């Protein structure tokens, strides 16, 4: 950049000096015979030279700033790539550490189902992307009949698009549900281990189970104690198994409903926020709020009636479409989950029976039952005494209230009788005697 700047400086100095001979040699446009052309040419070339100098300096400064920035960016990109590679290596190490010593073989049927799900997702996504790219701004018809027909067509196109997008959503949710159910066997085994630890160690039995056992055993003698104990433990474990199933079903349903509500609200809001739709709804909503002479505007009222009927029809069609999807897919029983429960029912029953027998063979249960029976009987005795005491106190309070009430009534009657004596009215006979005497 330095030669260019020196050239510009020299050119300026030469043009400023009117006696310079270099100017005469450099251009034939400049005339030194006292004409005004020399002055104009000098000014023009001076401006060009100054502009050229400014451009050169600006470019040099810009390049000087960009080169360090580019170098820094390259260094940052390299660091990010290295960090991503390290993260991937760490994830792989964690995966292999977790699965060390285990071989995971995928079932061919599951692979085929997964491939079909991916293909279906890909095809539907392509259709939606194609429809989105084909969407262009359509000129709104000016004729009223054509305009109404166009609006009805837009609504129909919206419903068709929602059907395609619903298929994609449903496929995604089915894939997530399959992943969820594949992990249930592992969770079930973990839950069974927890139950065995709980029931084989008497210190882990919670108060609720303890009360249920003692209520049944306290009614029988020691000969029938084992049978009632076995029956009670079996019932409690079976109830906890049903509770575990219900919690998992509730978790899946909550997730499914959340995804569905979020999706349907987003889609209908997108339709309502279309520019022409939003403006139309706002206009007629405001018109409905007006009270001055609106029913005398026959033409506008007819247009409002057409809008009202169309909006009501769209609402009904949308609600019917939503209701159909909810009945068939969202709130209906999932067949694969029902089959999963049915397939494991016999195994769970055998496991509950086996765990109950293990509990009965544990000699600590006899000692535990005797201690709890004494504790339970003492507790019942204390509760009975407490109830009797509360009953006596309640009766005492009731008697006191009755006595107080009676005394108040008695005092009131006495005060009334005294008032009547002091303010005694003359009888009818006395009044008649006074009249006769007069």
Protein backbone atom coordinates (compact mmCIF):
# COMPACT_ATOMS: atom_id res chain seq x y z
CA UNK A 1 0.00 0.00 0.00
CA UNK A 2 2.96 2.37 0.46
CA UNK A 3 3.82 2.81 -3.31
CA UNK A 4 0.22 3.75 -4.07
CA UNK A 5 0.17 6.31 -1.28
CA UNK A 6 3.49 7.83 -2.46
CA UNK A 7 2.14 8.09 -5.99
CA UNK A 8 -0.91 9.94 -4.78
CA UNK A 9 1.22 12.34 -2.74
CA UNK A 10 3.46 13.07 -5.70
CA UNK A 11 0.49 13.65 -7.97
CA UNK A 12 -1.02 16.13 -5.53
CA UNK A 13 2.25 18.04 -5.16
CA UNK A 14 2.71 18.20 -8.92
CA UNK A 15 -0.82 19.48 -9.52
CA UNK A 16 -0.54 22.12 -6.80
CA UNK A 17 2.69 23.52 -8.31
CA UNK A 18 1.65 25.45 -11.49
CA UNK A 19 5.20 25.61 -12.78
CA UNK A 20 5.74 21.85 -12.76
CA UNK A 21 6.79 20.37 -16.05
CA UNK A 22 5.84 16.84 -15.09
CA UNK A 23 2.20 17.70 -15.47
CA UNK A 24 2.71 18.73 -19.04
CA UNK A 25 4.42 15.44 -19.76
CA UNK A 26 1.86 13.36 -17.90
CA UNK A 27 -1.32 14.60 -19.65
CA UNK A 28 -2.28 16.47 -22.77
CA UNK A 29 -5.55 17.76 -21.34
CA UNK A 30 -3.86 20.47 -19.28
CA UNK A 31 -3.15 23.76 -21.10
CA UNK A 32 -0.71 26.31 -19.60
CA UNK A 33 -1.70 29.16 -21.91
CA UNK A 34 -3.69 30.86 -19.18
CA UNK A 35 -6.95 29.11 -19.90
CA UNK A 36 -9.40 28.03 -17.21
CA UNK A 37 -9.14 24.38 -18.30
CA UNK A 38 -5.97 24.04 -16.24
CA UNK A 39 -7.68 25.12 -13.04
CA UNK A 40 -10.66 22.81 -13.53
CA UNK A 41 -8.46 19.85 -14.41
CA UNK A 42 -6.22 20.51 -11.41
CA UNK A 43 -9.16 20.56 -9.00
CA UNK A 44 -10.71 17.41 -10.50
CA UNK A 45 -7.49 15.41 -10.43
CA UNK A 46 -6.77 16.58 -6.88
CA UNK A 47 -10.14 15.29 -5.71
CA UNK A 48 -9.59 11.96 -7.50
CA UNK A 49 -6.16 11.58 -5.95
CA UNK A 50 -7.45 12.33 -2.45
CA UNK A 51 -10.32 9.87 -2.88
CA UNK A 52 -7.88 7.21 -4.12
CA UNK A 53 -5.64 7.81 -1.10
CA UNK A 54 -8.57 7.46 1.33
CA UNK A 55 -9.71 4.20 -0.29
CA UNK A 56 -6.23 2.70 -0.10
CA UNK A 57 -5.85 3.57 3.58
CA UNK A 58 -9.34 2.24 4.42
CA UNK A 59 -8.67 -1.06 2.64
CA UNK A 60 -5.37 -1.50 4.41
CA UNK A 61 -6.99 -0.87 7.82
CA UNK A 62 -9.84 -3.26 7.04
CA UNK A 63 -7.53 -6.06 6.00
CA UNK A 64 -5.44 -5.49 9.08
CA UNK A 65 -8.52 -6.00 11.27
CA UNK A 66 -9.92 -8.97 9.36
CA UNK A 67 -6.80 -11.11 9.27
CA UNK A 68 -6.45 -11.50 13.09
CA UNK A 69 -10.20 -12.10 13.39
CA UNK A 70 -10.05 -14.86 10.75
CA UNK A 71 -7.09 -16.48 12.47
CA UNK A 72 -8.92 -16.42 15.81
CA UNK A 73 -12.01 -17.97 14.23
CA UNK A 74 -9.97 -20.80 12.71
CA UNK A 75 -8.40 -21.50 16.11
CA UNK A 76 -11.84 -21.51 17.81
CA UNK A 77 -13.30 -23.90 15.20
CA UNK A 78 -10.41 -26.29 15.69
CA UNK A 79 -10.88 -26.20 19.47
CA UNK A 80 -14.63 -26.87 19.11
CA UNK A 81 -13.98 -29.85 16.84
CA UNK A 82 -11.46 -31.26 19.29
CA UNK A 83 -13.86 -30.80 22.23
CA UNK A 84 -16.69 -32.50 20.30
CA UNK A 85 -14.43 -35.43 19.49
CA UNK A 86 -13.46 -35.69 23.17
CA UNK A 87 -17.15 -35.61 24.22
CA UNK A 88 -17.97 -38.38 21.75
CA UNK A 89 -15.07 -40.46 23.05
CA UNK A 90 -16.26 -39.93 26.66
CA UNK A 91 -19.83 -40.92 25.73
CA UNK A 92 -18.54 -44.08 24.04
CA UNK A 93 -16.41 -44.90 27.09
CA UNK A 94 -19.40 -44.44 29.40
CA UNK A 95 -21.56 -46.62 27.18
CA UNK A 96 -19.07 -49.44 27.03
CA UNK A 97 -18.40 -49.19 30.78
CA UNK A 98 -22.13 -49.48 31.49
CA UNK A 99 -22.58 -52.40 29.10
CA UNK A 100 -19.31 -54.12 29.94
CA UNK A 101 -19.65 -57.87 30.02
CA UNK A 102 -23.14 -57.79 28.42
CA UNK A 103 -24.05 -58.49 24.80
CA UNK A 104 -27.02 -56.66 23.38
CA UNK A 105 -28.58 -58.47 20.41
CA UNK A 106 -31.49 -56.76 18.69
CA UNK A 107 -34.42 -58.78 17.56
CA UNK A 108 -34.90 -58.87 13.77
CA UNK A 109 -38.60 -58.04 14.13
CA UNK A 110 -37.84 -54.95 16.21
CA UNK A 111 -35.27 -53.83 13.61
CA UNK A 112 -37.83 -54.21 10.87
CA UNK A 113 -40.43 -52.21 12.82
CA UNK A 114 -37.88 -49.49 13.52
CA UNK A 115 -36.98 -49.27 9.82
CA UNK A 116 -40.64 -49.01 8.86
CA UNK A 117 -41.20 -46.24 11.40
CA UNK A 118 -38.20 -44.31 10.06
CA UNK A 119 -39.36 -44.72 6.46
CA UNK A 120 -42.87 -43.56 7.31
CA UNK A 121 -41.54 -40.56 9.21
CA UNK A 122 -39.28 -39.68 6.29
CA UNK A 123 -42.07 -39.94 3.71
CA UNK A 124 -44.54 -37.86 5.71
CA UNK A 125 -41.88 -35.27 6.51
CA UNK A 126 -41.14 -34.98 2.79
CA UNK A 127 -44.81 -34.41 2.03
CA UNK A 128 -45.07 -31.69 4.68
CA UNK A 129 -41.89 -29.96 3.51
CA UNK A 130 -43.14 -30.11 -0.07
CA UNK A 131 -46.46 -28.57 0.96
CA UNK A 132 -44.66 -25.82 2.88
CA UNK A 133 -42.43 -24.96 -0.08
CA UNK A 134 -45.40 -24.86 -2.42
CA UNK A 135 -47.22 -22.35 -0.22
CA UNK A 136 -47.22 -19.00 -1.97
CA UNK A 137 -49.14 -15.84 -1.39
CA UNK A 138 -52.47 -16.18 -3.16
CA UNK A 139 -54.38 -13.09 -4.14
CA UNK A 140 -57.60 -12.84 -2.16
CA UNK A 141 -60.61 -12.68 -4.52
CA UNK A 142 -62.61 -9.47 -4.50
CA UNK A 143 -65.97 -10.98 -5.42
CA UNK A 144 -67.89 -11.95 -2.29
CA UNK A 145 -69.02 -15.38 -3.52
CA UNK A 146 -65.54 -16.26 -4.78
CA UNK A 147 -64.06 -14.95 -1.53
CA UNK A 148 -66.30 -17.14 0.61
CA UNK A 149 -65.55 -20.17 -1.55
CA UNK A 150 -61.83 -19.42 -1.28
CA UNK A 151 -62.04 -19.23 2.54
CA UNK A 152 -63.84 -22.58 2.70
CA UNK A 153 -61.16 -24.09 0.49
CA UNK A 154 -58.41 -22.69 2.72
CA UNK A 155 -60.02 -24.36 5.74
CA UNK A 156 -60.26 -27.68 3.91
CA UNK A 157 -56.59 -27.43 2.91
CA UNK A 158 -55.71 -26.71 6.54
CA UNK A 159 -57.53 -29.86 7.73
CA UNK A 160 -55.81 -31.97 5.05
CA UNK A 161 -52.45 -30.60 6.14
CA UNK A 162 -53.26 -31.34 9.78
CA UNK A 163 -54.06 -34.94 8.88
CA UNK A 164 -50.62 -35.37 7.30
CA UNK A 165 -48.86 -33.71 10.23
CA UNK A 166 -50.87 -35.82 12.67
CA UNK A 167 -49.59 -38.98 10.98
CA UNK A 168 -46.05 -37.77 11.57
CA UNK A 169 -46.79 -36.91 15.20
CA UNK A 170 -48.46 -40.27 15.79
CA UNK A 171 -45.49 -42.16 14.33
CA UNK A 172 -43.11 -40.22 16.56
CA UNK A 173 -45.21 -40.87 19.68
CA UNK A 174 -45.47 -44.58 18.81
CA UNK A 175 -41.70 -44.75 18.52
CA UNK A 176 -41.26 -43.09 21.92
CA UNK A 177 -43.82 -45.44 23.49
CA UNK A 178 -41.96 -48.45 22.09
CA UNK A 179 -38.73 -47.18 23.66
CA UNK A 180 -40.63 -46.69 26.93
CA UNK A 181 -42.06 -50.20 27.00
CA UNK A 182 -38.71 -51.77 26.10
CA UNK A 183 -37.27 -50.43 29.36
CA UNK A 184 -40.09 -51.73 31.57
CA UNK A 185 -38.61 -55.22 32.02
CA UNK A 186 -35.48 -53.73 33.52
CA UNK A 187 -37.55 -51.49 35.82
CA UNK A 188 -39.74 -54.45 36.80
CA UNK A 189 -36.72 -56.51 37.85
CA UNK A 190 -35.45 -53.57 39.90
CA UNK A 191 -38.85 -53.22 41.60
CA UNK A 192 -38.94 -56.96 42.41
CA UNK A 193 -35.50 -56.73 44.02
CA UNK A 194 -36.73 -53.82 46.15
CA UNK A 195 -39.80 -55.79 47.26
CA UNK A 196 -37.71 -58.83 48.23
CA UNK A 197 -35.33 -56.64 50.23
CA UNK A 198 -38.26 -54.97 51.94
CA UNK A 199 -40.17 -58.11 52.92
CA UNK A 200 -37.18 -60.22 53.91
CA UNK A 201 -35.91 -57.46 56.21
CA UNK A 202 -38.60 -56.77 58.82
CA UNK A 203 -37.14 -53.36 59.69
CA UNK A 204 -38.08 -52.07 56.22
CA UNK A 205 -41.82 -52.79 56.52
CA UNK A 206 -43.73 -49.53 56.56
CA UNK A 207 -46.50 -48.61 59.00
CA UNK A 208 -49.31 -49.07 56.47
CA UNK A 209 -48.42 -52.70 55.79
CA UNK A 210 -47.84 -53.29 59.49
CA UNK A 211 -51.35 -52.07 60.38
CA UNK A 212 -52.96 -54.20 57.66
CA UNK A 213 -51.17 -57.32 58.93
CA UNK A 214 -51.93 -56.71 62.58
CA UNK A 215 -55.61 -55.95 62.00
CA UNK A 216 -56.07 -59.41 60.47
CA UNK A 217 -53.86 -61.35 62.87
CA UNK A 218 -55.32 -59.76 66.02
CA UNK A 219 -58.66 -61.43 65.30
CA UNK A 220 -57.36 -65.02 65.31
CA UNK A 221 -55.49 -67.32 67.65
CA UNK A 222 -51.90 -68.53 67.26
CA UNK A 223 -52.89 -71.67 65.29
CA UNK A 224 -54.45 -69.65 62.48
CA UNK A 225 -51.81 -66.94 62.66
CA UNK A 226 -49.57 -68.38 59.89
CA UNK A 227 -52.44 -68.72 57.43
CA UNK A 228 -53.66 -65.19 58.05
CA UNK A 229 -50.12 -63.86 57.88
CA UNK A 230 -49.53 -65.51 54.51
CA UNK A 231 -52.84 -64.23 53.19
CA UNK A 232 -52.13 -60.70 54.40
CA UNK A 233 -48.62 -60.56 52.92
CA UNK A 234 -49.89 -61.95 49.61
CA UNK A 235 -52.64 -59.33 49.41
CA UNK A 236 -50.30 -56.46 50.23
CA UNK A 237 -47.63 -57.46 47.67
CA UNK A 238 -50.31 -57.93 45.02
CA UNK A 239 -51.73 -54.48 45.83
CA UNK A 240 -48.26 -52.95 45.52
CA UNK A 241 -47.83 -54.65 42.13
CA UNK A 242 -51.09 -53.07 40.91
CA UNK A 243 -49.95 -49.73 42.30
CA UNK A 244 -46.68 -50.00 40.35
CA UNK A 245 -48.61 -50.70 37.13
CA UNK A 246 -50.95 -47.78 37.75
CA UNK A 247 -48.07 -45.36 38.37
CA UNK A 248 -46.41 -46.36 35.10
CA UNK A 249 -49.67 -46.06 33.17
CA UNK A 250 -50.28 -42.62 34.67
CA UNK A 251 -46.78 -41.49 33.75
CA UNK A 252 -47.21 -42.60 30.13
CA UNK A 253 -50.68 -41.05 29.85
CA UNK A 254 -49.47 -37.74 31.31
CA UNK A 255 -46.62 -37.55 28.80
CA UNK A 256 -48.88 -38.48 25.88
CA UNK A 257 -51.58 -35.95 26.81
CA UNK A 258 -48.98 -33.20 27.28
CA UNK A 259 -47.54 -33.76 23.79
CA UNK A 260 -51.01 -33.90 22.24
CA UNK A 261 -52.34 -30.74 23.91
CA UNK A 262 -49.23 -28.78 23.02
CA UNK A 263 -49.41 -29.93 19.37
CA UNK A 264 -53.12 -29.27 18.79
CA UNK A 265 -53.03 -25.84 20.49
CA UNK A 266 -50.05 -24.80 18.38
CA UNK A 267 -51.73 -25.88 15.14
CA UNK A 268 -55.10 -24.22 15.69
CA UNK A 269 -53.36 -21.05 16.91
CA UNK A 270 -51.34 -20.99 13.70
CA UNK A 271 -54.59 -21.10 11.69
CA UNK A 272 -56.25 -18.37 13.75
CA UNK A 273 -53.21 -16.08 13.41
CA UNK A 274 -53.19 -16.11 9.59
CA UNK A 275 -53.32 -12.48 8.53
CA UNK A 276 -56.65 -12.43 6.67
CA UNK A 277 -58.26 -14.74 9.25
CA UNK A 278 -57.10 -12.67 12.22
CA UNK A 279 -58.23 -9.38 10.69
CA UNK A 280 -61.64 -10.80 9.78
CA UNK A 281 -62.25 -12.24 13.26
CA UNK A 282 -61.15 -9.03 14.96
CA UNK A 283 -63.40 -6.93 12.74
CA UNK A 284 -66.58 -8.96 13.36
CA UNK A 285 -65.82 -9.40 17.05
CA UNK A 286 -65.57 -5.63 17.45
CA UNK A 287 -68.74 -5.18 15.40
CA UNK A 288 -70.62 -7.54 17.71
CA UNK A 289 -69.69 -5.33 20.67
CA UNK A 290 -71.17 -2.21 19.08
CA UNK A 291 -74.71 -1.30 20.11
CA UNK A 292 -75.61 1.75 18.03
CA UNK A 293 -77.88 0.94 15.06
CA UNK A 294 -75.99 -2.21 14.08
CA UNK A 295 -79.13 -4.25 13.47
CA UNK A 296 -80.30 -1.69 10.91
CA UNK A 297 -77.18 -2.33 8.81
CA UNK A 298 -78.73 -5.10 6.74
CA UNK A 299 -75.83 -5.66 4.34
CA UNK A 300 -73.23 -5.80 7.07
CA UNK A 301 -75.47 -7.99 9.19
CA UNK A 302 -75.79 -10.51 6.33
CA UNK A 303 -72.01 -10.61 5.98
CA UNK A 304 -71.68 -11.10 9.74
CA UNK A 305 -74.17 -13.97 9.57
CA UNK A 306 -72.12 -15.67 6.85
CA UNK A 307 -68.94 -15.24 8.92
CA UNK A 308 -70.64 -16.54 12.07
CA UNK A 309 -71.93 -19.66 10.33
CA UNK A 310 -68.54 -20.39 8.76
CA UNK A 311 -66.65 -19.92 12.04
CA UNK A 312 -69.13 -22.14 13.90
CA UNK A 313 -68.83 -24.82 11.23
CA UNK A 314 -65.01 -24.70 11.38
CA UNK A 315 -65.11 -24.98 15.17
CA UNK A 316 -67.42 -28.01 15.02
CA UNK A 317 -65.30 -29.74 12.37
CA UNK A 318 -62.11 -29.10 14.34
CA UNK A 319 -63.65 -30.40 17.58
CA UNK A 320 -64.95 -33.51 15.81
CA UNK A 321 -61.54 -34.16 14.28
CA UNK A 322 -59.85 -33.71 17.67
CA UNK A 323 -62.41 -35.95 19.40
CA UNK A 324 -61.85 -38.71 16.85
CA UNK A 325 -58.06 -38.65 17.36
CA UNK A 326 -58.42 -38.63 21.14
CA UNK A 327 -60.86 -41.55 21.18
CA UNK A 328 -58.74 -43.70 18.87
CA UNK A 329 -55.21 -42.84 19.92
CA UNK A 330 -54.80 -40.59 22.97
CA UNK A 331 -57.28 -41.83 25.60
CA UNK A 332 -57.72 -45.38 24.35
CA UNK A 333 -55.99 -48.41 25.86
CA UNK A 334 -52.64 -49.21 24.33
CA UNK A 335 -52.78 -52.80 23.09
CA UNK A 336 -49.05 -53.39 23.42
CA UNK A 337 -49.11 -52.33 27.08
CA UNK A 338 -52.12 -54.57 27.76
CA UNK A 339 -50.28 -57.47 26.10
CA UNK A 340 -47.14 -56.70 28.12
CA UNK A 341 -49.13 -56.92 31.38
CA UNK A 342 -50.91 -60.11 30.29
CA UNK A 343 -47.64 -61.81 29.32
CA UNK A 344 -46.16 -61.15 32.77
CA UNK A 345 -49.24 -61.87 34.86
CA UNK A 346 -48.52 -65.56 35.49
CA UNK A 347 -44.85 -64.88 36.24
CA UNK A 348 -45.75 -62.14 38.73
CA UNK A 349 -48.27 -64.39 40.49
CA UNK A 350 -45.64 -67.12 40.87
CA UNK A 351 -43.12 -64.58 42.14
CA UNK A 352 -45.60 -63.23 44.74
CA UNK A 353 -46.34 -66.77 45.92
CA UNK A 354 -42.62 -67.55 46.16
CA UNK A 355 -41.88 -64.35 48.09
CA UNK A 356 -44.76 -65.03 50.49
CA UNK A 357 -43.44 -68.53 51.22
CA UNK A 358 -39.97 -67.11 51.86
CA UNK A 359 -41.45 -64.72 54.40
CA UNK A 360 -43.25 -67.58 56.17
CA UNK A 361 -40.05 -69.61 56.37
CA UNK A 362 -38.24 -66.73 58.05
CA UNK A 363 -38.19 -67.46 61.84
CA UNK A 364 -37.92 -63.77 62.63
CA UNK A 365 -41.54 -63.36 61.58
CA UNK A 366 -42.82 -65.29 64.62
CA UNK A 367 -40.97 -63.02 67.02
CA UNK A 368 -42.04 -59.94 65.05
CA UNK A 369 -45.69 -61.02 65.10
CA UNK A 370 -45.71 -61.61 68.88
CA UNK A 371 -44.11 -58.24 69.56
CA UNK A 372 -46.44 -56.42 67.20
CA UNK A 373 -49.47 -58.22 68.57
CA UNK A 374 -48.66 -57.08 72.12
CA UNK A 375 -47.96 -53.59 70.85
CA UNK A 376 -51.15 -53.57 68.82
CA UNK A 377 -53.30 -54.79 71.75
CA UNK A 378 -51.83 -52.12 74.05
CA UNK A 379 -52.46 -49.51 71.42
CA UNK A 380 -56.06 -50.64 71.04
CA UNK A 381 -56.50 -50.55 74.81
CA UNK A 382 -55.19 -47.00 74.98
CA UNK A 383 -57.42 -45.94 72.12
CA UNK A 384 -60.42 -47.52 73.82
CA UNK A 385 -59.67 -45.71 77.09
CA UNK A 386 -59.23 -42.49 75.19
CA UNK A 387 -62.59 -42.92 73.46
CA UNK A 388 -64.34 -43.66 76.76
CA UNK A 389 -62.75 -40.62 78.35
CA UNK A 390 -63.81 -38.42 75.45
CA UNK A 391 -67.31 -39.85 75.67
CA UNK A 392 -67.57 -39.05 79.40
CA UNK A 393 -66.29 -35.54 78.86
CA UNK A 394 -68.76 -35.04 76.06
CA UNK A 395 -71.65 -36.26 78.24
CA UNK A 396 -70.53 -33.97 81.05
CA UNK A 397 -70.41 -30.98 78.73
CA UNK A 398 -73.84 -31.85 77.36
CA UNK A 399 -75.33 -32.03 80.88
CA UNK A 400 -73.80 -28.68 81.80
CA UNK A 401 -75.21 -27.13 78.65
CA UNK A 402 -78.67 -28.52 79.39
CA UNK A 403 -78.55 -27.24 82.98
CA UNK A 404 -77.45 -23.79 81.84
CA UNK A 405 -80.17 -23.68 79.24
CA UNK A 406 -82.84 -24.66 81.78
CA UNK A 407 -81.72 -22.00 84.24
CA UNK A 408 -81.86 -19.35 81.51
CA UNK A 409 -85.39 -20.40 80.55
CA UNK A 410 -86.48 -20.33 84.20
CA UNK A 411 -85.08 -16.84 84.70
CA UNK A 412 -86.79 -15.64 81.56
CA UNK A 413 -90.16 -17.01 82.69
CA UNK A 414 -89.81 -15.35 86.10
CA UNK A 415 -89.03 -12.01 84.50
CA UNK A 416 -92.07 -12.32 82.24
CA UNK A 417 -94.37 -13.13 85.15
CA UNK A 418 -93.09 -10.13 87.15
CA UNK A 419 -93.62 -7.83 84.18
CA UNK A 420 -97.21 -9.02 83.81
CA UNK A 421 -97.96 -8.34 87.48
CA UNK A 422 -96.60 -4.81 87.26
CA UNK A 423 -98.37 -4.04 83.99
CA UNK A 424 -101.65 -5.81 84.70
CA UNK A 425 -104.46 -4.77 82.30
CA UNK A 426 -108.08 -4.30 83.55
CA UNK A 427 -110.45 -7.13 82.82
CA UNK A 428 -113.54 -6.88 80.58
CA UNK A 429 -115.91 -7.12 83.58
CA UNK A 430 -114.27 -4.13 85.24
CA UNK A 431 -114.63 -2.10 82.04
CA UNK A 432 -118.34 -3.00 81.76
CA UNK A 433 -118.96 -1.94 85.35
CA UNK A 434 -117.36 1.42 84.67
CA UNK A 435 -119.59 1.98 81.66
CA UNK A 436 -122.80 1.08 83.58
CA UNK A 437 -121.84 3.37 86.41
CA UNK A 438 -121.42 6.28 84.04
